[in-house]
Amino acid sequence: MEAGPRDTTHSRPEPLTADGPAQDAGDGLEQPAEPPQEVEVELRPQRRLRLWQLAPIVGLAAMGSLMFAFPLAFGTGDGGAVIAMLGLLISFCAAGWGMMAARRVGHTWPGLPARGSGGRPDWRVVLAYAVVVAALVVLAVWRVDRLR
């Protein structure tokens, strides 16, 4: 005899009464008036950023932006430019970390296709993002250079 799946195609035995098989008992199971409704439940949790993911990113960004802003605002001598550039670097690191975390949970930049969709980004949108980032970097470096 081979091991295999159970054969469940055979019918159920008829229920017995005191004087033999029941004539009007049917199959012995109560049939519901309507079939039960199927409920779809997502087993995976929603993909969103949690507090433990956001807290270090926000803290690093706040620290970097303060390190960038205070030497520029108050002009603390020769070391101010170095501290400001370090703050700018920390801010950019926090921004990159935040973008990677957002991408991991499925968020995308406006105008760009979703990850894994197979769509190609429009070159005008990519060019616009590149121009904005380049302008921000040039303005930040220019402002720090004016401290010297």
Protein backbone atom coordinates (compact mmCIF):
# COMPACT_ATOMS: atom_id res chain seq x y z
CA MET A 1 0.00 0.00 0.00
CA GLU A 2 1.42 3.39 -1.01
CA ALA A 3 1.29 6.54 1.07
CA GLY A 4 -0.69 9.27 -0.63
CA PRO A 5 -3.43 11.81 -0.11
CA ARG A 6 -6.58 10.63 1.55
CA ASP A 7 -9.49 9.65 -0.61
CA THR A 8 -12.33 11.88 0.52
CA THR A 9 -14.62 11.28 -2.42
CA HIS A 10 -16.64 8.52 -0.74
CA SER A 11 -19.99 9.53 0.71
CA ARG A 12 -20.85 9.81 4.37
CA PRO A 13 -22.79 6.97 5.99
CA GLU A 14 -26.46 7.59 6.61
CA PRO A 15 -27.41 8.47 10.21
CA LEU A 16 -29.05 5.64 12.14
CA THR A 17 -32.27 5.73 14.13
CA ALA A 18 -33.63 3.11 16.53
CA ASP A 19 -35.26 1.13 13.72
CA GLY A 20 -32.58 1.58 10.99
CA PRO A 21 -31.36 4.29 8.65
CA ALA A 22 -33.30 7.52 8.73
CA GLN A 23 -35.45 8.10 5.65
CA ASP A 24 -35.87 11.87 5.92
CA ALA A 25 -32.62 12.79 7.63
CA GLY A 26 -30.75 13.70 4.43
CA ASP A 27 -27.02 13.67 5.07
CA GLY A 28 -27.32 14.57 8.74
CA LEU A 29 -25.78 18.02 8.38
CA GLU A 30 -27.67 21.28 8.61
CA GLN A 31 -27.25 23.35 5.47
CA PRO A 32 -27.02 27.10 6.03
CA ALA A 33 -29.52 29.29 4.20
CA GLU A 34 -26.73 31.08 2.31
CA PRO A 35 -23.05 30.24 1.87
CA PRO A 36 -20.68 31.94 4.30
CA GLN A 37 -19.07 35.16 3.07
CA GLU A 38 -15.34 34.98 2.42
CA VAL A 39 -13.36 37.61 4.28
CA GLU A 40 -10.01 38.65 2.89
CA VAL A 41 -7.51 39.54 5.58
CA GLU A 42 -4.03 40.83 4.83
CA LEU A 43 -1.61 38.75 6.85
CA ARG A 44 1.33 41.10 6.37
CA PRO A 45 1.32 44.34 8.36
CA GLN A 46 0.94 47.61 6.53
CA ARG A 47 4.18 48.93 5.14
CA ARG A 48 4.69 52.27 6.84
CA LEU A 49 7.45 53.98 8.72
CA ARG A 50 7.35 53.29 12.44
CA LEU A 51 8.47 55.61 15.23
CA TRP A 52 11.63 53.62 15.89
CA GLN A 53 12.56 54.13 12.24
CA LEU A 54 11.74 57.82 12.14
CA ALA A 55 13.23 58.95 15.47
CA PRO A 56 16.94 58.54 14.61
CA ILE A 57 16.44 60.05 11.16
CA VAL A 58 14.66 63.12 12.53
CA GLY A 59 17.19 63.50 15.36
CA LEU A 60 20.14 63.31 12.98
CA ALA A 61 18.52 65.79 10.60
CA ALA A 62 17.78 68.24 13.43
CA MET A 63 21.31 68.00 14.78
CA GLY A 64 22.83 68.51 11.33
CA SER A 65 20.64 71.46 10.47
CA LEU A 66 21.42 73.15 13.80
CA MET A 67 25.14 72.57 13.27
CA PHE A 68 24.76 74.16 9.84
CA ALA A 69 22.61 77.10 10.96
CA PHE A 70 24.26 78.34 14.17
CA PRO A 71 27.79 78.99 12.85
CA LEU A 72 26.30 80.75 9.86
CA ALA A 73 23.95 82.87 11.97
CA PHE A 74 26.34 83.86 14.75
CA GLY A 75 29.74 83.69 13.01
CA THR A 76 31.77 81.81 15.63
CA GLY A 77 35.21 82.48 14.19
CA ASP A 78 37.41 80.40 11.89
CA GLY A 79 36.00 77.01 12.94
CA GLY A 80 32.45 78.03 11.99
CA ALA A 81 32.84 77.07 8.35
CA VAL A 82 34.11 73.60 9.24
CA ILE A 83 31.26 73.00 11.70
CA ALA A 84 28.75 74.31 9.17
CA MET A 85 30.03 71.97 6.48
CA LEU A 86 29.97 69.06 8.92
CA GLY A 87 26.36 69.95 9.79
CA LEU A 88 25.51 70.09 6.10
CA LEU A 89 27.07 66.66 5.60
CA ILE A 90 25.10 65.22 8.54
CA SER A 91 21.88 66.75 7.16
CA PHE A 92 22.48 65.18 3.76
CA CYS A 93 23.19 61.82 5.39
CA ALA A 94 19.90 62.04 7.31
CA ALA A 95 18.05 62.97 4.11
CA GLY A 96 19.53 59.98 2.30
CA TRP A 97 18.72 57.68 5.19
CA GLY A 98 15.14 58.96 5.23
CA MET A 99 14.76 58.48 1.49
CA MET A 100 16.03 54.91 1.70
CA ALA A 101 13.68 54.11 4.58
CA ALA A 102 10.74 55.62 2.70
CA ARG A 103 11.63 53.69 -0.43
CA ARG A 104 11.82 50.45 1.54
CA VAL A 105 8.19 50.86 2.67
CA GLY A 106 7.03 51.71 -0.84
CA HIS A 107 6.99 55.51 -1.07
CA THR A 108 8.30 57.22 -4.21
CA TRP A 109 9.13 60.75 -5.25
CA PRO A 110 6.31 62.63 -7.00
CA GLY A 111 6.52 62.11 -10.73
CA LEU A 112 8.61 58.93 -10.53
CA PRO A 113 7.18 55.42 -11.07
CA ALA A 114 6.71 53.06 -8.15
CA ARG A 115 9.49 50.63 -7.36
CA GLY A 116 9.12 47.37 -9.26
CA SER A 117 6.43 48.73 -11.59
CA GLY A 118 8.68 48.48 -14.63
CA GLY A 119 7.86 52.04 -15.72
CA ARG A 120 10.61 54.41 -16.81
CA PRO A 121 10.89 57.82 -15.15
CA ASP A 122 10.30 60.87 -17.29
CA TRP A 123 13.63 62.57 -18.07
CA ARG A 124 12.15 66.02 -17.38
CA VAL A 125 11.22 65.05 -13.82
CA VAL A 126 14.67 63.58 -13.19
CA LEU A 127 16.29 66.71 -14.63
CA ALA A 128 14.12 68.94 -12.42
CA TYR A 129 15.14 67.00 -9.30
CA ALA A 130 18.82 67.16 -10.30
CA VAL A 131 18.64 70.94 -10.87
CA VAL A 132 16.96 71.54 -7.49
CA VAL A 133 19.53 69.42 -5.62
CA ALA A 134 22.44 71.06 -7.45
CA ALA A 135 21.06 74.54 -6.69
CA LEU A 136 20.71 73.71 -2.98
CA VAL A 137 24.26 72.38 -2.81
CA VAL A 138 25.67 75.43 -4.61
CA LEU A 139 23.77 77.83 -2.31
CA ALA A 140 24.93 75.97 0.81
CA VAL A 141 28.58 75.88 -0.27
CA TRP A 142 28.43 79.55 -1.33
CA ARG A 143 27.00 80.54 2.06
CA VAL A 144 29.68 78.62 3.97
CA ASP A 145 32.39 80.05 1.71
CA ARG A 146 31.25 83.59 2.59
CA LEU A 147 32.22 82.90 6.22
CA ARG A 148 35.91 82.98 5.29
